[in-house]
Each structure stands twice: as C-alpha cells, then as structure tokens.
C-alpha cells in the first residue's frame, strides 16, 4: 500500500491533521544538525585527531569513480551493490567505524548501540479507488518483522488479518491491491483481539523489558493515521509502545543524502541494488522488504534511531539532538470508556 497510502492521506479526515502528516513526512525532512557532543565521541568533542583522519579519508572517497569504489568495497569484502552515492556512504561508514573502534580500543568510549531489536510494521487497510473524504480506513492486516541488530538478520515475524467492522465489505479495488480476500477478513478477529495477541507476541520476546527495541515504519501514516484512527474506531486507547518509531524514509534520506522523492520503498530497494521479494502491498512482504532496507542501512553504518512520535494525537518529529529512546514495554489494550 506504498503509493496508495500517500494518495489517501489528504482524504482521511477534515480536522487538518493530514497537513501535519504531509509536512512532517514528505515536505520537511529531518534536518541533520551539527553533530552533538556525546559520550561516544573520543575526548567528548570533534577535535580528536581521529576525526581529521576520517575527514581526509572522506575527501579521498568523494573523488573515487564508481569502478574504484566497487573495487575497494570488494577488496574489503563489503557489498558492491547500489548506486555510486550508496557505495560512497558504505565505504565512508566502514572506515569511520574502523577508526572509531580503534580509538575505543585505545581507551575511548565505544560507539553507540541503540536497540537490541527493531520491529518493522506495515499495515494494510480498507480502501477504495477514489476514497470519499469521510472514508475511514480500517486495518485489515497486522504484520510485524523482527530484526536482531546484533546478528543483522530477520529472526521472527507475526501476521494476522483483521475483521473490519465499520465497512466489513472490502472493495474490489482493495482486494486487487492487497491480495486480501473477503473470506480472510470474515474469518479474522476484530482489531482489539488481534492487538492483544500482538502484545503477547512482543512480551514473549521480552521486548521493552529485557531487550531494548524500536518500532520502524515506511513513512509516518502507519502509526499516526491508520493505528490512530483504528484505535478510535475500536474505542481503545492508543498503545504506549507505538507512540515512538523510526520513519525509515527520513533515516534513509538523511543517511544517504537524497531528497524525499527518492525514498519510496521501490526506489530505496533499487538504489541499494536490491529487488522486491514477494507480493507488493502484502503487509508481511512489504514489512520484510522494509526490513531488508533497514538491515542494509545498519550494515552501511547507519545508526537507526527513533525520529517520530505521537503526542496528544499529533505527529511530531524527534530531533537528532534528543536523547535516544526505544519503544515502551507492551501492555494489553485499554478501553477509552
């Protein structure tokens, strides 16, 4: 539901909230500020000689041709796929990580590891080809894909279909787009029951208790719109564990220095030299492919961190200077009444 999600945002409500979503997720990418001082930096600032070495290496890498980059990456046994800018970033990140690790071994603090796990979520929801302005999108597929950030692999997944209650009959357009049939949703549980099993699944893996984790989405709308509206329709409170997340589009754009127009799922895969695996607009398959992008970014040296959150029903950007936080420990759904 990648491109379709963007098309339906402006028709989801008459409250004006859609303008906030568009402004935050598509028009105003998170600005990369001057690096903030943190305990992970040698001597607490950027005057350490290691940063001069990194800067000189970056200048050399910037002057390399695509063939030179590919040859150097191959010599280092790194991935050689992707466009030139992606390969440059991969090589720079490798060298930076290597130099900082050496510096840490000599007595400075190690680099940050933000989360033990990243949980990718990409909902599918009811839709029509030309959604009326008062149409309410109900979640009909709840998928999750779990990434272990230490082993850099997808280690688990969850998927359940959800029975819509406000508009129980799926449109032909929705069935064709998502591949979700009327029979699948008719036989599914309602959203509160599915959310309870999501919570149990997260708890069984000790996420938010023993292990630090973060939710990751492809854009802002999965949490700020689909989940937010669904909770209101189901008369349950918005879950605490979903109030903060990593918007991979922002992270990708900032890390590889590309405009927001180049951060659609299909484009990100293409630029990284990857191909989509599975059926487009299947929530689980989309989540797995988003997870593959996240893994490649981690391998390239990107430190994925929470960059968006919900507060009082509004979507807000989390600045890069804010303290690093993960998702809260999951708890059973609570009634709004």
C-alpha atoms as a PDB file:
ATOM      1  CA  UNK A   1       0.000   0.000   0.000  1.00  0.00           C
ATOM      2  CA  UNK A   2       3.054   2.199  -0.536  1.00  0.00           C
ATOM      3  CA  UNK A   3       1.986   4.810  -3.102  1.00  0.00           C
ATOM      4  CA  UNK A   4      -1.710   4.408  -2.239  1.00  0.00           C
ATOM      5  CA  UNK A   5      -1.045   5.412   1.369  1.00  0.00           C
ATOM      6  CA  UNK A   6       0.266   8.763   0.182  1.00  0.00           C
ATOM      7  CA  UNK A   7      -2.729   9.292  -2.081  1.00  0.00           C
ATOM      8  CA  UNK A   8      -5.274   8.681   0.662  1.00  0.00           C
ATOM      9  CA  UNK A   9      -3.694  10.839   3.359  1.00  0.00           C
ATOM     10  CA  UNK A  10      -5.358  14.036   2.227  1.00  0.00           C
ATOM     11  CA  UNK A  11      -8.793  12.363   2.340  1.00  0.00           C
ATOM     12  CA  UNK A  12      -8.621  10.754   5.768  1.00  0.00           C
ATOM     13  CA  UNK A  13     -10.152  13.493   7.880  1.00  0.00           C
ATOM     14  CA  UNK A  14     -11.418  17.059   7.866  1.00  0.00           C
ATOM     15  CA  UNK A  15      -9.517  18.028  11.027  1.00  0.00           C
ATOM     16  CA  UNK A  16      -6.458  19.415   9.283  1.00  0.00           C
ATOM     17  CA  UNK A  17      -4.209  16.738  10.792  1.00  0.00           C
ATOM     18  CA  UNK A  18      -3.344  15.450   7.330  1.00  0.00           C
ATOM     19  CA  UNK A  19      -1.437  18.646   6.656  1.00  0.00           C
ATOM     20  CA  UNK A  20       0.766  17.899   9.666  1.00  0.00           C
ATOM     21  CA  UNK A  21       1.491  14.415   8.362  1.00  0.00           C
ATOM     22  CA  UNK A  22       2.321  15.659   4.887  1.00  0.00           C
ATOM     23  CA  UNK A  23       4.519  18.424   6.227  1.00  0.00           C
ATOM     24  CA  UNK A  24       6.441  16.114   8.541  1.00  0.00           C
ATOM     25  CA  UNK A  25       6.763  13.045   6.345  1.00  0.00           C
ATOM     26  CA  UNK A  26       7.106  14.363   2.827  1.00  0.00           C
ATOM     27  CA  UNK A  27       7.943  18.066   2.634  1.00  0.00           C
ATOM     28  CA  UNK A  28      10.252  18.831   5.555  1.00  0.00           C
ATOM     29  CA  UNK A  29      12.847  16.088   6.028  1.00  0.00           C
ATOM     30  CA  UNK A  30      14.500  15.904   9.406  1.00  0.00           C
ATOM     31  CA  UNK A  31      17.393  18.349   9.320  1.00  0.00           C
ATOM     32  CA  UNK A  32      20.822  16.997  10.113  1.00  0.00           C
ATOM     33  CA  UNK A  33      22.240  19.400  12.625  1.00  0.00           C
ATOM     34  CA  UNK A  34      25.857  19.931  13.609  1.00  0.00           C
ATOM     35  CA  UNK A  35      26.934  16.755  15.437  1.00  0.00           C
ATOM     36  CA  UNK A  36      26.099  16.851  19.116  1.00  0.00           C
ATOM     37  CA  UNK A  37      28.691  16.040  21.749  1.00  0.00           C
ATOM     38  CA  UNK A  38      28.100  12.604  23.209  1.00  0.00           C
ATOM     39  CA  UNK A  39      29.994  10.166  25.442  1.00  0.00           C
ATOM     40  CA  UNK A  40      30.743   8.008  22.400  1.00  0.00           C
ATOM     41  CA  UNK A  41      32.953  10.682  20.855  1.00  0.00           C
ATOM     42  CA  UNK A  42      36.658  10.496  21.702  1.00  0.00           C
ATOM     43  CA  UNK A  43      37.528  13.172  24.284  1.00  0.00           C
ATOM     44  CA  UNK A  44      33.900  14.385  24.145  1.00  0.00           C
ATOM     45  CA  UNK A  45      34.297  16.556  21.015  1.00  0.00           C
ATOM     46  CA  UNK A  46      35.319  16.538  17.360  1.00  0.00           C
ATOM     47  CA  UNK A  47      38.830  17.937  17.949  1.00  0.00           C
ATOM     48  CA  UNK A  48      40.200  14.412  18.395  1.00  0.00           C
ATOM     49  CA  UNK A  49      42.784  13.532  15.680  1.00  0.00           C
ATOM     50  CA  UNK A  50      40.714  10.546  14.586  1.00  0.00           C
ATOM     51  CA  UNK A  51      38.122  12.882  13.076  1.00  0.00           C
ATOM     52  CA  UNK A  52      40.782  14.585  10.944  1.00  0.00           C
ATOM     53  CA  UNK A  53      41.768  11.151   9.608  1.00  0.00           C
ATOM     54  CA  UNK A  54      38.127  10.360   8.860  1.00  0.00           C
ATOM     55  CA  UNK A  55      37.654  13.719   7.103  1.00  0.00           C
ATOM     56  CA  UNK A  56      40.711  13.159   4.908  1.00  0.00           C
ATOM     57  CA  UNK A  57      39.517   9.657   4.022  1.00  0.00           C
ATOM     58  CA  UNK A  58      36.067  11.001   3.121  1.00  0.00           C
ATOM     59  CA  UNK A  59      37.639  13.520   0.761  1.00  0.00           C
ATOM     60  CA  UNK A  60      39.550  10.749  -0.981  1.00  0.00           C
ATOM     61  CA  UNK A  61      36.413   8.587  -1.263  1.00  0.00           C
ATOM     62  CA  UNK A  62      34.463  11.514  -2.758  1.00  0.00           C
ATOM     63  CA  UNK A  63      36.978  11.631  -5.628  1.00  0.00           C
ATOM     64  CA  UNK A  64      36.726   7.913  -6.437  1.00  0.00           C
ATOM     65  CA  UNK A  65      34.954   6.693  -9.560  1.00  0.00           C
ATOM     66  CA  UNK A  66      32.189   4.093  -9.423  1.00  0.00           C
ATOM     67  CA  UNK A  67      34.594   1.375 -10.589  1.00  0.00           C
ATOM     68  CA  UNK A  68      37.165   2.398  -7.965  1.00  0.00           C
ATOM     69  CA  UNK A  69      34.516   2.306  -5.269  1.00  0.00           C
ATOM     70  CA  UNK A  70      33.339  -1.131  -6.348  1.00  0.00           C
ATOM     71  CA  UNK A  71      36.929  -2.434  -6.432  1.00  0.00           C
ATOM     72  CA  UNK A  72      37.687  -1.068  -2.953  1.00  0.00           C
ATOM     73  CA  UNK A  73      34.463  -2.455  -1.477  1.00  0.00           C
ATOM     74  CA  UNK A  74      35.207  -5.859  -2.978  1.00  0.00           C
ATOM     75  CA  UNK A  75      38.726  -5.778  -1.523  1.00  0.00           C
ATOM     76  CA  UNK A  76      37.226  -5.104   1.905  1.00  0.00           C
ATOM     77  CA  UNK A  77      34.655  -7.888   1.341  1.00  0.00           C
ATOM     78  CA  UNK A  78      31.801  -5.380   1.540  1.00  0.00           C
ATOM     79  CA  UNK A  79      28.646  -5.323  -0.578  1.00  0.00           C
ATOM     80  CA  UNK A  80      29.321  -3.818  -4.020  1.00  0.00           C
ATOM     81  CA  UNK A  81      25.667  -3.292  -4.997  1.00  0.00           C
ATOM     82  CA  UNK A  82      23.900   0.049  -5.214  1.00  0.00           C
ATOM     83  CA  UNK A  83      24.321   3.408  -6.923  1.00  0.00           C
ATOM     84  CA  UNK A  84      27.508   5.463  -6.555  1.00  0.00           C
ATOM     85  CA  UNK A  85      26.301   7.589  -3.631  1.00  0.00           C
ATOM     86  CA  UNK A  86      25.267   4.472  -1.712  1.00  0.00           C
ATOM     87  CA  UNK A  87      28.676   2.844  -2.278  1.00  0.00           C
ATOM     88  CA  UNK A  88      30.451   6.043  -1.178  1.00  0.00           C
ATOM     89  CA  UNK A  89      28.431   6.140   2.020  1.00  0.00           C
ATOM     90  CA  UNK A  90      29.095   2.433   2.660  1.00  0.00           C
ATOM     91  CA  UNK A  91      32.842   2.901   2.302  1.00  0.00           C
ATOM     92  CA  UNK A  92      32.890   6.044   4.451  1.00  0.00           C
ATOM     93  CA  UNK A  93      30.867   4.327   7.176  1.00  0.00           C
ATOM     94  CA  UNK A  94      33.167   1.301   7.132  1.00  0.00           C
ATOM     95  CA  UNK A  95      36.255   3.486   7.534  1.00  0.00           C
ATOM     96  CA  UNK A  96      34.659   5.635  10.219  1.00  0.00           C
ATOM     97  CA  UNK A  97      33.556   2.585  12.199  1.00  0.00           C
ATOM     98  CA  UNK A  98      37.021   1.067  11.866  1.00  0.00           C
ATOM     99  CA  UNK A  99      38.803   4.207  13.081  1.00  0.00           C
ATOM    100  CA  UNK A 100      36.389   4.784  15.988  1.00  0.00           C
ATOM    101  CA  UNK A 101      36.715   1.147  17.033  1.00  0.00           C
ATOM    102  CA  UNK A 102      40.492   1.510  17.073  1.00  0.00           C
ATOM    103  CA  UNK A 103      40.141   4.690  19.115  1.00  0.00           C
ATOM    104  CA  UNK A 104      37.808   2.925  21.554  1.00  0.00           C
ATOM    105  CA  UNK A 105      40.303   0.068  21.934  1.00  0.00           C
ATOM    106  CA  UNK A 106      42.883   2.638  22.917  1.00  0.00           C
ATOM    107  CA  UNK A 107      40.786   3.802  25.845  1.00  0.00           C
ATOM    108  CA  UNK A 108      37.931   5.925  24.487  1.00  0.00           C
ATOM    109  CA  UNK A 109      34.235   5.024  24.766  1.00  0.00           C
ATOM    110  CA  UNK A 110      32.738   2.591  22.218  1.00  0.00           C
ATOM    111  CA  UNK A 111      30.232   3.692  19.616  1.00  0.00           C
ATOM    112  CA  UNK A 112      26.509   3.652  20.405  1.00  0.00           C
ATOM    113  CA  UNK A 113      24.268   0.621  20.026  1.00  0.00           C
ATOM    114  CA  UNK A 114      20.761   1.978  20.319  1.00  0.00           C
ATOM    115  CA  UNK A 115      18.456  -1.070  20.217  1.00  0.00           C
ATOM    116  CA  UNK A 116      18.727  -4.830  20.517  1.00  0.00           C
ATOM    117  CA  UNK A 117      15.813  -5.342  18.144  1.00  0.00           C
ATOM    118  CA  UNK A 118      13.915  -3.357  15.529  1.00  0.00           C
ATOM    119  CA  UNK A 119      10.300  -4.322  14.822  1.00  0.00           C
ATOM    120  CA  UNK A 120       9.058  -3.428  11.324  1.00  0.00           C
ATOM    121  CA  UNK A 121       5.326  -2.734  10.908  1.00  0.00           C
ATOM    122  CA  UNK A 122       3.469  -2.051   7.657  1.00  0.00           C
ATOM    123  CA  UNK A 123      -0.336  -2.162   7.912  1.00  0.00           C
ATOM    124  CA  UNK A 124      -2.797  -2.863   5.135  1.00  0.00           C
ATOM    125  CA  UNK A 125      -6.143  -1.115   5.454  1.00  0.00           C
ATOM    126  CA  UNK A 126      -9.538  -0.917   3.778  1.00  0.00           C
ATOM    127  CA  UNK A 127      -9.540   1.420   0.800  1.00  0.00           C
ATOM    128  CA  UNK A 128     -11.399   2.420  -2.329  1.00  0.00           C
ATOM    129  CA  UNK A 129     -10.009   3.561  -5.642  1.00  0.00           C
ATOM    130  CA  UNK A 130     -11.434   7.032  -5.100  1.00  0.00           C
ATOM    131  CA  UNK A 131     -11.814   7.378  -1.335  1.00  0.00           C
ATOM    132  CA  UNK A 132     -14.556   9.814  -0.279  1.00  0.00           C
ATOM    133  CA  UNK A 133     -13.446  12.492   2.161  1.00  0.00           C
ATOM    134  CA  UNK A 134     -15.298  10.840   5.058  1.00  0.00           C
ATOM    135  CA  UNK A 135     -13.965   7.319   4.415  1.00  0.00           C
ATOM    136  CA  UNK A 136     -12.401   5.671   7.491  1.00  0.00           C
ATOM    137  CA  UNK A 137      -9.583   3.251   6.781  1.00  0.00           C
ATOM    138  CA  UNK A 138      -9.680   0.148   8.974  1.00  0.00           C
ATOM    139  CA  UNK A 139      -6.647  -2.074   9.485  1.00  0.00           C
ATOM    140  CA  UNK A 140      -7.130  -5.462   7.807  1.00  0.00           C
ATOM    141  CA  UNK A 141      -3.598  -6.876   8.128  1.00  0.00           C
ATOM    142  CA  UNK A 142      -1.265  -6.524  11.127  1.00  0.00           C
ATOM    143  CA  UNK A 143       2.250  -7.748  10.229  1.00  0.00           C
ATOM    144  CA  UNK A 144       5.475  -7.437  12.218  1.00  0.00           C
ATOM    145  CA  UNK A 145       9.020  -8.436  11.252  1.00  0.00           C
ATOM    146  CA  UNK A 146      11.703  -8.622  13.928  1.00  0.00           C
ATOM    147  CA  UNK A 147      15.326  -7.639  13.243  1.00  0.00           C
ATOM    148  CA  UNK A 148      18.184  -8.576  15.556  1.00  0.00           C
ATOM    149  CA  UNK A 149      20.565  -5.605  15.357  1.00  0.00           C
ATOM    150  CA  UNK A 150      23.486  -7.633  16.749  1.00  0.00           C
ATOM    151  CA  UNK A 151      23.336 -10.515  14.259  1.00  0.00           C
ATOM    152  CA  UNK A 152      21.913  -8.273  11.490  1.00  0.00           C
ATOM    153  CA  UNK A 153      19.210 -10.677  10.403  1.00  0.00           C
ATOM    154  CA  UNK A 154      15.431 -11.052  10.401  1.00  0.00           C
ATOM    155  CA  UNK A 155      14.744 -13.515  13.210  1.00  0.00           C
ATOM    156  CA  UNK A 156      10.957 -13.668  13.559  1.00  0.00           C
ATOM    157  CA  UNK A 157       7.645 -12.446  12.187  1.00  0.00           C
ATOM    158  CA  UNK A 158       3.979 -12.066  13.116  1.00  0.00           C
ATOM    159  CA  UNK A 159       0.951 -11.746  10.861  1.00  0.00           C
ATOM    160  CA  UNK A 160      -2.800 -11.711  11.407  1.00  0.00           C
ATOM    161  CA  UNK A 161      -5.684 -10.446   9.325  1.00  0.00           C
ATOM    162  CA  UNK A 162      -8.244  -8.196  10.961  1.00  0.00           C
ATOM    163  CA  UNK A 163     -12.021  -8.100  10.536  1.00  0.00           C
ATOM    164  CA  UNK A 164     -13.235  -4.582   9.657  1.00  0.00           C
ATOM    165  CA  UNK A 165     -16.433  -3.536  11.446  1.00  0.00           C
ATOM    166  CA  UNK A 166     -17.372  -0.112  10.072  1.00  0.00           C
ATOM    167  CA  UNK A 167     -17.112  -1.197   6.422  1.00  0.00           C
ATOM    168  CA  UNK A 168     -16.989  -5.011   6.582  1.00  0.00           C
ATOM    169  CA  UNK A 169     -17.276  -5.481   2.807  1.00  0.00           C
ATOM    170  CA  UNK A 170     -13.942  -4.991   1.032  1.00  0.00           C
ATOM    171  CA  UNK A 171     -13.975  -3.088  -2.239  1.00  0.00           C
ATOM    172  CA  UNK A 172     -12.835  -4.846  -5.399  1.00  0.00           C
ATOM    173  CA  UNK A 173     -10.021  -2.306  -5.586  1.00  0.00           C
ATOM    174  CA  UNK A 174      -8.832  -3.208  -2.073  1.00  0.00           C
ATOM    175  CA  UNK A 175      -8.882  -6.953  -2.791  1.00  0.00           C
ATOM    176  CA  UNK A 176      -6.926  -6.483  -6.017  1.00  0.00           C
ATOM    177  CA  UNK A 177      -4.403  -4.104  -4.407  1.00  0.00           C
ATOM    178  CA  UNK A 178      -3.646  -6.079  -1.245  1.00  0.00           C
ATOM    179  CA  UNK A 179      -4.492  -9.645  -2.233  1.00  0.00           C
ATOM    180  CA  UNK A 180      -6.579  -9.894   0.956  1.00  0.00           C
ATOM    181  CA  UNK A 181      -9.867 -11.653   0.200  1.00  0.00           C
ATOM    182  CA  UNK A 182     -13.268 -11.161   1.793  1.00  0.00           C
ATOM    183  CA  UNK A 183     -13.046 -14.679   3.232  1.00  0.00           C
ATOM    184  CA  UNK A 184      -9.788 -13.885   5.046  1.00  0.00           C
ATOM    185  CA  UNK A 185     -11.224 -10.882   6.864  1.00  0.00           C
ATOM    186  CA  UNK A 186     -14.601 -12.522   7.518  1.00  0.00           C
ATOM    187  CA  UNK A 187     -12.808 -15.323   9.363  1.00  0.00           C
ATOM    188  CA  UNK A 188     -10.455 -12.976  11.241  1.00  0.00           C
ATOM    189  CA  UNK A 189     -10.802 -11.449  14.716  1.00  0.00           C
ATOM    190  CA  UNK A 190     -11.592  -7.802  15.359  1.00  0.00           C
ATOM    191  CA  UNK A 191      -8.769  -5.359  15.988  1.00  0.00           C
ATOM    192  CA  UNK A 192      -8.730  -5.383  19.836  1.00  0.00           C
ATOM    193  CA  UNK A 193      -8.312  -9.183  19.882  1.00  0.00           C
ATOM    194  CA  UNK A 194      -5.519  -9.056  17.294  1.00  0.00           C
ATOM    195  CA  UNK A 195      -3.778  -6.224  19.154  1.00  0.00           C
ATOM    196  CA  UNK A 196      -3.874  -8.321  22.323  1.00  0.00           C
ATOM    197  CA  UNK A 197      -2.045 -11.127  20.506  1.00  0.00           C
ATOM    198  CA  UNK A 198       0.492  -8.607  19.166  1.00  0.00           C
ATOM    199  CA  UNK A 199       1.155  -7.524  22.746  1.00  0.00           C
ATOM    200  CA  UNK A 200       1.556 -11.154  23.848  1.00  0.00           C
ATOM    201  CA  UNK A 201       3.956 -11.792  20.953  1.00  0.00           C
ATOM    202  CA  UNK A 202       6.106  -8.807  21.955  1.00  0.00           C
ATOM    203  CA  UNK A 203       6.010  -9.780  25.634  1.00  0.00           C
ATOM    204  CA  UNK A 204       7.058 -13.363  24.898  1.00  0.00           C
ATOM    205  CA  UNK A 205      10.178 -11.986  23.217  1.00  0.00           C
ATOM    206  CA  UNK A 206      10.843  -9.741  26.258  1.00  0.00           C
ATOM    207  CA  UNK A 207      10.864  -6.590  24.156  1.00  0.00           C
ATOM    208  CA  UNK A 208      10.793  -3.449  26.250  1.00  0.00           C
ATOM    209  CA  UNK A 209      11.762  -5.387  29.370  1.00  0.00           C
ATOM    210  CA  UNK A 210      14.911  -7.463  28.891  1.00  0.00           C
ATOM    211  CA  UNK A 211      15.666  -6.095  25.426  1.00  0.00           C
ATOM    212  CA  UNK A 212      15.563  -2.542  24.114  1.00  0.00           C
ATOM    213  CA  UNK A 213      13.649  -2.212  20.851  1.00  0.00           C
ATOM    214  CA  UNK A 214      12.053   0.275  18.482  1.00  0.00           C
ATOM    215  CA  UNK A 215       9.196   0.173  16.000  1.00  0.00           C
ATOM    216  CA  UNK A 216      10.129   1.003  12.390  1.00  0.00           C
ATOM    217  CA  UNK A 217       7.734   2.037   9.615  1.00  0.00           C
ATOM    218  CA  UNK A 218       7.860   3.094   5.969  1.00  0.00           C
ATOM    219  CA  UNK A 219       6.570   6.623   6.459  1.00  0.00           C
ATOM    220  CA  UNK A 220       4.524   8.319   9.170  1.00  0.00           C
ATOM    221  CA  UNK A 221       0.995   7.200   8.327  1.00  0.00           C
ATOM    222  CA  UNK A 222       1.015   3.614   9.694  1.00  0.00           C
ATOM    223  CA  UNK A 223       1.132   4.854  13.282  1.00  0.00           C
ATOM    224  CA  UNK A 224      -0.053   8.454  13.059  1.00  0.00           C
ATOM    225  CA  UNK A 225      -3.066   7.691  10.847  1.00  0.00           C
ATOM    226  CA  UNK A 226      -4.018   4.034  10.434  1.00  0.00           C
ATOM    227  CA  UNK A 227      -3.350   2.920  14.016  1.00  0.00           C
ATOM    228  CA  UNK A 228      -4.613   6.194  15.462  1.00  0.00           C
ATOM    229  CA  UNK A 229      -7.932   6.010  13.566  1.00  0.00           C
ATOM    230  CA  UNK A 230      -8.328   2.284  14.201  1.00  0.00           C
ATOM    231  CA  UNK A 231      -7.965   2.731  17.953  1.00  0.00           C
ATOM    232  CA  UNK A 232     -10.648   5.419  17.901  1.00  0.00           C
ATOM    233  CA  UNK A 233     -12.997   3.213  15.875  1.00  0.00           C
ATOM    234  CA  UNK A 234     -12.355   0.263  18.228  1.00  0.00           C
ATOM    235  CA  UNK A 235     -12.749   2.521  21.286  1.00  0.00           C
ATOM    236  CA  UNK A 236      -9.397   1.552  22.767  1.00  0.00           C
ATOM    237  CA  UNK A 237      -6.528   3.759  23.821  1.00  0.00           C
ATOM    238  CA  UNK A 238      -3.599   4.252  21.504  1.00  0.00           C
ATOM    239  CA  UNK A 239      -0.929   1.742  22.646  1.00  0.00           C
ATOM    240  CA  UNK A 240       2.010   3.231  24.516  1.00  0.00           C
ATOM    241  CA  UNK A 241       4.539   1.003  22.749  1.00  0.00           C
ATOM    242  CA  UNK A 242       3.584   2.522  19.369  1.00  0.00           C
ATOM    243  CA  UNK A 243       3.931   6.182  20.350  1.00  0.00           C
ATOM    244  CA  UNK A 244       7.528   6.402  19.056  1.00  0.00           C
ATOM    245  CA  UNK A 245       9.009   4.917  15.922  1.00  0.00           C
ATOM    246  CA  UNK A 246      11.711   5.091  13.267  1.00  0.00           C
ATOM    247  CA  UNK A 247      10.465   6.522   9.976  1.00  0.00           C
ATOM    248  CA  UNK A 248      12.893   4.777   7.623  1.00  0.00           C
ATOM    249  CA  UNK A 249      12.210   7.270   4.844  1.00  0.00           C
ATOM    250  CA  UNK A 250      13.634  10.073   6.955  1.00  0.00           C
ATOM    251  CA  UNK A 251      16.558   7.919   8.093  1.00  0.00           C
ATOM    252  CA  UNK A 252      17.349   6.801   4.538  1.00  0.00           C
ATOM    253  CA  UNK A 253      17.152  10.333   3.114  1.00  0.00           C
ATOM    254  CA  UNK A 254      19.378  11.785   5.818  1.00  0.00           C
ATOM    255  CA  UNK A 255      21.915   8.964   5.769  1.00  0.00           C
ATOM    256  CA  UNK A 256      22.408   8.698   2.007  1.00  0.00           C
ATOM    257  CA  UNK A 257      21.814  12.426   1.409  1.00  0.00           C
ATOM    258  CA  UNK A 258      18.946  12.032  -1.052  1.00  0.00           C
ATOM    259  CA  UNK A 259      15.694  14.046  -1.409  1.00  0.00           C
ATOM    260  CA  UNK A 260      12.434  12.705  -0.010  1.00  0.00           C
ATOM    261  CA  UNK A 261      11.228  11.953  -3.547  1.00  0.00           C
ATOM    262  CA  UNK A 262      13.782   9.130  -3.667  1.00  0.00           C
ATOM    263  CA  UNK A 263      12.599   7.370  -0.500  1.00  0.00           C
ATOM    264  CA  UNK A 264       9.683   5.284  -1.736  1.00  0.00           C
ATOM    265  CA  UNK A 265      10.034   1.585  -0.952  1.00  0.00           C
ATOM    266  CA  UNK A 266      10.666   0.571  -4.575  1.00  0.00           C
ATOM    267  CA  UNK A 267      13.192   3.377  -5.083  1.00  0.00           C
ATOM    268  CA  UNK A 268      15.124   2.634  -1.887  1.00  0.00           C
ATOM    269  CA  UNK A 269      15.431  -1.029  -2.865  1.00  0.00           C
ATOM    270  CA  UNK A 270      16.567  -0.107  -6.382  1.00  0.00           C
ATOM    271  CA  UNK A 271      19.179   2.406  -5.177  1.00  0.00           C
ATOM    272  CA  UNK A 272      20.579  -0.189  -2.767  1.00  0.00           C
ATOM    273  CA  UNK A 273      20.837  -2.756  -5.560  1.00  0.00           C
ATOM    274  CA  UNK A 274      18.041  -4.911  -4.141  1.00  0.00           C
ATOM    275  CA  UNK A 275      14.895  -6.341  -5.733  1.00  0.00           C
ATOM    276  CA  UNK A 276      11.468  -6.590  -4.144  1.00  0.00           C
ATOM    277  CA  UNK A 277      10.764 -10.086  -2.826  1.00  0.00           C
ATOM    278  CA  UNK A 278       7.170 -11.318  -2.586  1.00  0.00           C
ATOM    279  CA  UNK A 279       3.868  -9.669  -3.462  1.00  0.00           C
ATOM    280  CA  UNK A 280       3.723  -5.839  -3.428  1.00  0.00           C
ATOM    281  CA  UNK A 281       1.101  -4.485  -0.986  1.00  0.00           C
ATOM    282  CA  UNK A 282       1.107  -7.645   1.101  1.00  0.00           C
ATOM    283  CA  UNK A 283       1.681  -6.239   4.581  1.00  0.00           C
ATOM    284  CA  UNK A 284       4.033  -9.045   5.599  1.00  0.00           C
ATOM    285  CA  UNK A 285       6.010  -8.960   2.338  1.00  0.00           C
ATOM    286  CA  UNK A 286       6.252  -5.160   2.474  1.00  0.00           C
ATOM    287  CA  UNK A 287       7.485  -5.419   6.080  1.00  0.00           C
ATOM    288  CA  UNK A 288      10.152  -7.954   5.109  1.00  0.00           C
ATOM    289  CA  UNK A 289      11.390  -5.757   2.277  1.00  0.00           C
ATOM    290  CA  UNK A 290      11.455  -2.703   4.534  1.00  0.00           C
ATOM    291  CA  UNK A 291      13.419  -4.857   6.965  1.00  0.00           C
ATOM    292  CA  UNK A 292      15.928  -5.694   4.219  1.00  0.00           C
ATOM    293  CA  UNK A 293      16.456  -1.962   3.646  1.00  0.00           C
ATOM    294  CA  UNK A 294      16.949  -1.412   7.388  1.00  0.00           C
ATOM    295  CA  UNK A 295      19.490  -4.246   7.514  1.00  0.00           C
ATOM    296  CA  UNK A 296      21.444  -2.808   4.586  1.00  0.00           C
ATOM    297  CA  UNK A 297      21.471   0.609   6.253  1.00  0.00           C
ATOM    298  CA  UNK A 298      22.754  -0.914   9.506  1.00  0.00           C
ATOM    299  CA  UNK A 299      25.423  -2.769   7.552  1.00  0.00           C
ATOM    300  CA  UNK A 300      26.380   0.504   5.868  1.00  0.00           C
ATOM    301  CA  UNK A 301      26.911   2.121   9.272  1.00  0.00           C
ATOM    302  CA  UNK A 302      23.608   3.923   9.823  1.00  0.00           C
ATOM    303  CA  UNK A 303      22.567   4.096  13.472  1.00  0.00           C
ATOM    304  CA  UNK A 304      18.799   3.896  13.119  1.00  0.00           C
ATOM    305  CA  UNK A 305      17.005   5.719  15.912  1.00  0.00           C
ATOM    306  CA  UNK A 306      13.505   6.941  16.768  1.00  0.00           C
ATOM    307  CA  UNK A 307      12.729  10.096  14.771  1.00  0.00           C
ATOM    308  CA  UNK A 308       8.922  10.471  15.070  1.00  0.00           C
ATOM    309  CA  UNK A 309       6.349  10.221  17.838  1.00  0.00           C
ATOM    310  CA  UNK A 310       2.716  10.815  18.717  1.00  0.00           C
ATOM    311  CA  UNK A 311       1.773  13.320  21.401  1.00  0.00           C
ATOM    312  CA  UNK A 312      -1.817  14.258  22.249  1.00  0.00           C
ATOM    313  CA  UNK A 313      -2.945  12.781  18.939  1.00  0.00           C
ATOM    314  CA  UNK A 314      -0.483  14.823  16.885  1.00  0.00           C
ATOM    315  CA  UNK A 315       2.509  13.708  14.837  1.00  0.00           C
ATOM    316  CA  UNK A 316       5.808  15.251  15.953  1.00  0.00           C
ATOM    317  CA  UNK A 317       9.408  14.968  14.772  1.00  0.00           C
ATOM    318  CA  UNK A 318      12.020  13.765  17.265  1.00  0.00           C
ATOM    319  CA  UNK A 319      15.171  15.849  16.656  1.00  0.00           C
ATOM    320  CA  UNK A 320      18.527  14.106  16.326  1.00  0.00           C
ATOM    321  CA  UNK A 321      19.751  16.021  19.372  1.00  0.00           C
ATOM    322  CA  UNK A 322      17.107  14.399  21.628  1.00  0.00           C
ATOM    323  CA  UNK A 323      18.092  11.560  23.994  1.00  0.00           C
ATOM    324  CA  UNK A 324      17.852   8.142  22.358  1.00  0.00           C
ATOM    325  CA  UNK A 325      14.731   6.275  23.469  1.00  0.00           C
ATOM    326  CA  UNK A 326      13.152   2.991  22.469  1.00  0.00           C
ATOM    327  CA  UNK A 327       9.579   1.740  22.446  1.00  0.00           C
ATOM    328  CA  UNK A 328       7.812   1.175  25.744  1.00  0.00           C
ATOM    329  CA  UNK A 329       7.098  -2.253  27.204  1.00  0.00           C
ATOM    330  CA  UNK A 330       3.870  -3.539  25.622  1.00  0.00           C
ATOM    331  CA  UNK A 331       0.667  -3.742  27.695  1.00  0.00           C
ATOM    332  CA  UNK A 332      -2.809  -5.119  26.905  1.00  0.00           C
ATOM    333  CA  UNK A 333      -5.256  -2.800  25.096  1.00  0.00           C
ATOM    334  CA  UNK A 334      -7.251  -0.488  27.349  1.00  0.00           C
ATOM    335  CA  UNK A 335     -10.751   0.814  26.723  1.00  0.00           C
ATOM    336  CA  UNK A 336     -11.302   4.508  26.005  1.00  0.00           C
ATOM    337  CA  UNK A 337     -14.524   4.444  28.027  1.00  0.00           C
END
